């Protein structure tokens, strides 16, 4: 799903509070285990294409 947008990206998608804690506080080796494919059906694409709401504005 990410490949068409950014071919080299490997996002880490955290799905529980425990995973968030691991990502933020655990040793690197343990945290990097969260960089894995999600089970089928857990992620879906909700929008794709050109952005229509304008560019982001700086503060």
PDB file of N, CA and C in Angstrom:
ATOM      1  N   UNK A   1       0.820  -1.188   0.000  1.00  0.00           N
ATOM      2  CA  UNK A   1       0.000   0.000   0.000  1.00  0.00           C
ATOM      3  C   UNK A   1       0.869   1.260   0.000  1.00  0.00           C
ATOM      4  N   UNK A   2       2.001   1.245   0.680  1.00  0.00           N
ATOM      5  CA  UNK A   2       2.856   2.428   0.758  1.00  0.00           C
ATOM      6  C   UNK A   2       3.739   2.566  -0.474  1.00  0.00           C
ATOM      7  N   UNK A   3       4.097   1.455  -1.093  1.00  0.00           N
ATOM      8  CA  UNK A   3       5.020   1.438  -2.223  1.00  0.00           C
ATOM      9  C   UNK A   3       4.720   2.435  -3.328  1.00  0.00           C
ATOM     10  N   UNK A   4       3.476   2.568  -3.791  1.00  0.00           N
ATOM     11  CA  UNK A   4       3.196   3.522  -4.863  1.00  0.00           C
ATOM     12  C   UNK A   4       3.460   4.978  -4.462  1.00  0.00           C
ATOM     13  N   UNK A   5       3.385   5.275  -3.173  1.00  0.00           N
ATOM     14  CA  UNK A   5       3.597   6.640  -2.697  1.00  0.00           C
ATOM     15  C   UNK A   5       5.070   6.891  -2.417  1.00  0.00           C
ATOM     16  N   UNK A   6       5.726   5.938  -1.779  1.00  0.00           N
ATOM     17  CA  UNK A   6       7.146   6.074  -1.428  1.00  0.00           C
ATOM     18  C   UNK A   6       7.768   4.681  -1.428  1.00  0.00           C
ATOM     19  N   UNK A   7       8.423   4.282  -2.524  1.00  0.00           N
ATOM     20  CA  UNK A   7       8.894   2.905  -2.697  1.00  0.00           C
ATOM     21  C   UNK A   7       9.874   2.412  -1.639  1.00  0.00           C
ATOM     22  N   UNK A   8      10.619   3.300  -0.996  1.00  0.00           N
ATOM     23  CA  UNK A   8      11.600   2.853  -0.006  1.00  0.00           C
ATOM     24  C   UNK A   8      11.089   2.953   1.428  1.00  0.00           C
ATOM     25  N   UNK A   9       9.879   3.412   1.626  1.00  0.00           N
ATOM     26  CA  UNK A   9       9.364   3.621   2.978  1.00  0.00           C
ATOM     27  C   UNK A   9       8.972   2.307   3.643  1.00  0.00           C
ATOM     28  N   UNK A  10       9.222   2.212   4.932  1.00  0.00           N
ATOM     29  CA  UNK A  10       8.723   1.108   5.747  1.00  0.00           C
ATOM     30  C   UNK A  10       8.172   1.731   7.017  1.00  0.00           C
ATOM     31  N   UNK A  11       6.909   2.142   6.985  1.00  0.00           N
ATOM     32  CA  UNK A  11       6.347   2.803   8.162  1.00  0.00           C
ATOM     33  C   UNK A  11       6.192   1.817   9.315  1.00  0.00           C
ATOM     34  N   UNK A  12       6.236   2.342  10.501  1.00  0.00           N
ATOM     35  CA  UNK A  12       5.940   1.548  11.687  1.00  0.00           C
ATOM     36  C   UNK A  12       4.554   1.976  12.134  1.00  0.00           C
ATOM     37  N   UNK A  13       3.603   1.068  12.030  1.00  0.00           N
ATOM     38  CA  UNK A  13       2.226   1.362  12.391  1.00  0.00           C
ATOM     39  C   UNK A  13       1.936   0.707  13.731  1.00  0.00           C
ATOM     40  N   UNK A  14       1.741   1.538  14.725  1.00  0.00           N
ATOM     41  CA  UNK A  14       1.523   1.064  16.085  1.00  0.00           C
ATOM     42  C   UNK A  14       0.025   0.961  16.327  1.00  0.00           C
ATOM     43  N   UNK A  15      -0.434  -0.205  16.762  1.00  0.00           N
ATOM     44  CA  UNK A  15      -1.874  -0.439  16.863  1.00  0.00           C
ATOM     45  C   UNK A  15      -2.375  -0.586  18.294  1.00  0.00           C
ATOM     46  N   UNK A  16      -1.475  -0.574  19.278  1.00  0.00           N
ATOM     47  CA  UNK A  16      -1.890  -0.685  20.682  1.00  0.00           C
ATOM     48  C   UNK A  16      -1.086   0.292  21.538  1.00  0.00           C
ATOM     49  N   UNK A  17      -1.577   0.564  22.731  1.00  0.00           N
ATOM     50  CA  UNK A  17      -0.835   1.414  23.664  1.00  0.00           C
ATOM     51  C   UNK A  17       0.492   0.766  24.034  1.00  0.00           C
ATOM     52  N   UNK A  18       0.498  -0.552  24.142  1.00  0.00           N
ATOM     53  CA  UNK A  18       1.727  -1.264  24.480  1.00  0.00           C
ATOM     54  C   UNK A  18       2.783  -1.071  23.397  1.00  0.00           C
ATOM     55  N   UNK A  19       2.363  -1.139  22.132  1.00  0.00           N
ATOM     56  CA  UNK A  19       3.306  -0.918  21.032  1.00  0.00           C
ATOM     57  C   UNK A  19       3.855   0.503  21.063  1.00  0.00           C
ATOM     58  N   UNK A  20       3.025   1.469  21.385  1.00  0.00           N
ATOM     59  CA  UNK A  20       3.502   2.860  21.485  1.00  0.00           C
ATOM     60  C   UNK A  20       4.564   2.971  22.572  1.00  0.00           C
ATOM     61  N   UNK A  21       4.327   2.337  23.707  1.00  0.00           N
ATOM     62  CA  UNK A  21       5.301   2.357  24.787  1.00  0.00           C
ATOM     63  C   UNK A  21       6.606   1.693  24.386  1.00  0.00           C
ATOM     64  N   UNK A  22       6.503   0.556  23.701  1.00  0.00           N
ATOM     65  CA  UNK A  22       7.698  -0.144  23.230  1.00  0.00           C
ATOM     66  C   UNK A  22       8.478   0.738  22.276  1.00  0.00           C
ATOM     67  N   UNK A  23       7.797   1.369  21.333  1.00  0.00           N
ATOM     68  CA  UNK A  23       8.464   2.202  20.330  1.00  0.00           C
ATOM     69  C   UNK A  23       9.200   3.368  20.988  1.00  0.00           C
ATOM     70  N   UNK A  24       8.608   3.938  22.012  1.00  0.00           N
ATOM     71  CA  UNK A  24       9.190   5.122  22.647  1.00  0.00           C
ATOM     72  C   UNK A  24      10.225   4.813  23.723  1.00  0.00           C
ATOM     73  N   UNK A  25      10.099   3.649  24.383  1.00  0.00           N
ATOM     74  CA  UNK A  25      10.913   3.422  25.574  1.00  0.00           C
ATOM     75  C   UNK A  25      11.797   2.181  25.551  1.00  0.00           C
ATOM     76  N   UNK A  26      11.539   1.242  24.686  1.00  0.00           N
ATOM     77  CA  UNK A  26      12.290  -0.017  24.696  1.00  0.00           C
ATOM     78  C   UNK A  26      13.652   0.142  24.023  1.00  0.00           C
ATOM     79  N   UNK A  27      14.555  -0.796  24.283  1.00  0.00           N
ATOM     80  CA  UNK A  27      15.824  -0.797  23.550  1.00  0.00           C
ATOM     81  C   UNK A  27      15.565  -0.879  22.041  1.00  0.00           C
ATOM     82  N   UNK A  28      16.468  -0.328  21.266  1.00  0.00           N
ATOM     83  CA  UNK A  28      16.298  -0.240  19.810  1.00  0.00           C
ATOM     84  C   UNK A  28      15.959  -1.582  19.184  1.00  0.00           C
ATOM     85  N   UNK A  29      16.670  -2.625  19.547  1.00  0.00           N
ATOM     86  CA  UNK A  29      16.439  -3.943  18.944  1.00  0.00           C
ATOM     87  C   UNK A  29      14.994  -4.404  19.142  1.00  0.00           C
ATOM     88  N   UNK A  30      14.454  -4.177  20.329  1.00  0.00           N
ATOM     89  CA  UNK A  30      13.069  -4.563  20.604  1.00  0.00           C
ATOM     90  C   UNK A  30      12.092  -3.673  19.840  1.00  0.00           C
ATOM     91  N   UNK A  31      12.337  -2.374  19.820  1.00  0.00           N
ATOM     92  CA  UNK A  31      11.444  -1.446  19.124  1.00  0.00           C
ATOM     93  C   UNK A  31      11.394  -1.739  17.630  1.00  0.00           C
ATOM     94  N   UNK A  32      12.528  -2.077  17.035  1.00  0.00           N
ATOM     95  CA  UNK A  32      12.559  -2.326  15.591  1.00  0.00           C
ATOM     96  C   UNK A  32      11.786  -3.577  15.186  1.00  0.00           C
ATOM     97  N   UNK A  33      11.472  -4.451  16.126  1.00  0.00           N
ATOM     98  CA  UNK A  33      10.627  -5.614  15.806  1.00  0.00           C
ATOM     99  C   UNK A  33       9.207  -5.188  15.425  1.00  0.00           C
ATOM    100  N   UNK A  34       8.844  -3.960  15.770  1.00  0.00           N
ATOM    101  CA  UNK A  34       7.523  -3.444  15.402  1.00  0.00           C
ATOM    102  C   UNK A  34       7.456  -3.041  13.933  1.00  0.00           C
ATOM    103  N   UNK A  35       8.582  -3.029  13.261  1.00  0.00           N
ATOM    104  CA  UNK A  35       8.632  -2.679  11.841  1.00  0.00           C
ATOM    105  C   UNK A  35       8.364  -3.944  11.044  1.00  0.00           C
ATOM    106  N   UNK A  36       7.074  -4.263  10.900  1.00  0.00           N
ATOM    107  CA  UNK A  36       6.654  -5.488  10.223  1.00  0.00           C
ATOM    108  C   UNK A  36       5.339  -5.226   9.502  1.00  0.00           C
ATOM    109  N   UNK A  37       4.981  -6.078   8.560  1.00  0.00           N
ATOM    110  CA  UNK A  37       3.689  -5.912   7.888  1.00  0.00           C
ATOM    111  C   UNK A  37       2.546  -6.130   8.876  1.00  0.00           C
ATOM    112  N   UNK A  38       1.490  -5.378   8.692  1.00  0.00           N
ATOM    113  CA  UNK A  38       0.299  -5.590   9.509  1.00  0.00           C
ATOM    114  C   UNK A  38      -0.463  -6.802   8.993  1.00  0.00           C
ATOM    115  N   UNK A  39      -1.238  -7.436   9.857  1.00  0.00           N
ATOM    116  CA  UNK A  39      -2.084  -8.540   9.394  1.00  0.00           C
ATOM    117  C   UNK A  39      -3.072  -8.050   8.331  1.00  0.00           C
ATOM    118  N   UNK A  40      -3.411  -8.932   7.398  1.00  0.00           N
ATOM    119  CA  UNK A  40      -4.378  -8.589   6.356  1.00  0.00           C
ATOM    120  C   UNK A  40      -5.654  -8.033   6.975  1.00  0.00           C
ATOM    121  N   UNK A  41      -6.185  -7.004   6.354  1.00  0.00           N
ATOM    122  CA  UNK A  41      -7.450  -6.434   6.779  1.00  0.00           C
ATOM    123  C   UNK A  41      -7.338  -5.381   7.866  1.00  0.00           C
ATOM    124  N   UNK A  42      -6.151  -5.194   8.446  1.00  0.00           N
ATOM    125  CA  UNK A  42      -6.012  -4.220   9.520  1.00  0.00           C
ATOM    126  C   UNK A  42      -5.814  -2.796   8.993  1.00  0.00           C
ATOM    127  N   UNK A  43      -5.369  -2.663   7.743  1.00  0.00           N
ATOM    128  CA  UNK A  43      -5.153  -1.344   7.159  1.00  0.00           C
ATOM    129  C   UNK A  43      -5.928  -1.255   5.851  1.00  0.00           C
ATOM    130  N   UNK A  44      -6.448  -0.069   5.602  1.00  0.00           N
ATOM    131  CA  UNK A  44      -7.135   0.155   4.332  1.00  0.00           C
ATOM    132  C   UNK A  44      -6.806   1.556   3.831  1.00  0.00           C
ATOM    133  N   UNK A  45      -6.843   1.705   2.538  1.00  0.00           N
ATOM    134  CA  UNK A  45      -6.579   2.995   1.905  1.00  0.00           C
ATOM    135  C   UNK A  45      -7.872   3.790   1.893  1.00  0.00           C
ATOM    136  N   UNK A  46      -7.835   5.027   2.407  1.00  0.00           N
ATOM    137  CA  UNK A  46      -9.047   5.835   2.450  1.00  0.00           C
ATOM    138  C   UNK A  46      -9.020   6.997   1.461  1.00  0.00           C
ATOM    139  N   UNK A  47      -7.843   7.354   0.972  1.00  0.00           N
ATOM    140  CA  UNK A  47      -7.746   8.425  -0.016  1.00  0.00           C
ATOM    141  C   UNK A  47      -6.447   8.265  -0.784  1.00  0.00           C
ATOM    142  N   UNK A  48      -6.489   8.652  -2.036  1.00  0.00           N
ATOM    143  CA  UNK A  48      -5.297   8.588  -2.870  1.00  0.00           C
ATOM    144  C   UNK A  48      -5.471   9.570  -4.017  1.00  0.00           C
ATOM    145  N   UNK A  49      -4.392  10.183  -4.427  1.00  0.00           N
ATOM    146  CA  UNK A  49      -4.468  11.096  -5.555  1.00  0.00           C
ATOM    147  C   UNK A  49      -3.948  12.472  -5.199  1.00  0.00           C
ATOM    148  N   UNK A  50      -4.300  13.425  -6.007  1.00  0.00           N
ATOM    149  CA  UNK A  50      -3.847  14.797  -5.817  1.00  0.00           C
ATOM    150  C   UNK A  50      -4.492  15.413  -4.584  1.00  0.00           C
ATOM    151  N   UNK A  51      -3.720  16.228  -3.913  1.00  0.00           N
ATOM    152  CA  UNK A  51      -4.232  16.944  -2.750  1.00  0.00           C
ATOM    153  C   UNK A  51      -5.098  18.104  -3.238  1.00  0.00           C
ATOM    154  N   UNK A  52      -6.263  18.291  -2.629  1.00  0.00           N
ATOM    155  CA  UNK A  52      -7.189  19.326  -3.079  1.00  0.00           C
ATOM    156  C   UNK A  52      -7.447  20.405  -2.030  1.00  0.00           C
ATOM    157  N   UNK A  53      -6.792  20.314  -0.872  1.00  0.00           N
ATOM    158  CA  UNK A  53      -7.066  21.285   0.185  1.00  0.00           C
ATOM    159  C   UNK A  53      -5.981  22.349   0.325  1.00  0.00           C
ATOM    160  N   UNK A  54      -5.108  22.476  -0.649  1.00  0.00           N
ATOM    161  CA  UNK A  54      -4.078  23.506  -0.618  1.00  0.00           C
ATOM    162  C   UNK A  54      -2.829  23.065   0.111  1.00  0.00           C
ATOM    163  N   UNK A  55      -1.830  23.909   0.071  1.00  0.00           N
ATOM    164  CA  UNK A  55      -0.554  23.621   0.712  1.00  0.00           C
ATOM    165  C   UNK A  55      -0.618  23.937   2.201  1.00  0.00           C
ATOM    166  N   UNK A  56       0.210  23.249   2.966  1.00  0.00           N
ATOM    167  CA  UNK A  56       0.299  23.514   4.398  1.00  0.00           C
ATOM    168  C   UNK A  56       0.880  24.906   4.626  1.00  0.00           C
ATOM    169  N   UNK A  57       0.391  25.579   5.631  1.00  0.00           N
ATOM    170  CA  UNK A  57       0.859  26.921   5.963  1.00  0.00           C
ATOM    171  C   UNK A  57       1.787  26.854   7.164  1.00  0.00           C
ATOM    172  N   UNK A  58       2.898  27.573   7.121  1.00  0.00           N
ATOM    173  CA  UNK A  58       3.819  27.649   8.254  1.00  0.00           C
ATOM    174  C   UNK A  58       3.224  28.468   9.379  1.00  0.00           C
ATOM    175  N   UNK A  59       3.794  28.295  10.549  1.00  0.00           N
ATOM    176  CA  UNK A  59       3.287  29.052  11.706  1.00  0.00           C
ATOM    177  C   UNK A  59       3.796  30.459  11.722  1.00  0.00           C
TER     178      UNK A  59
END
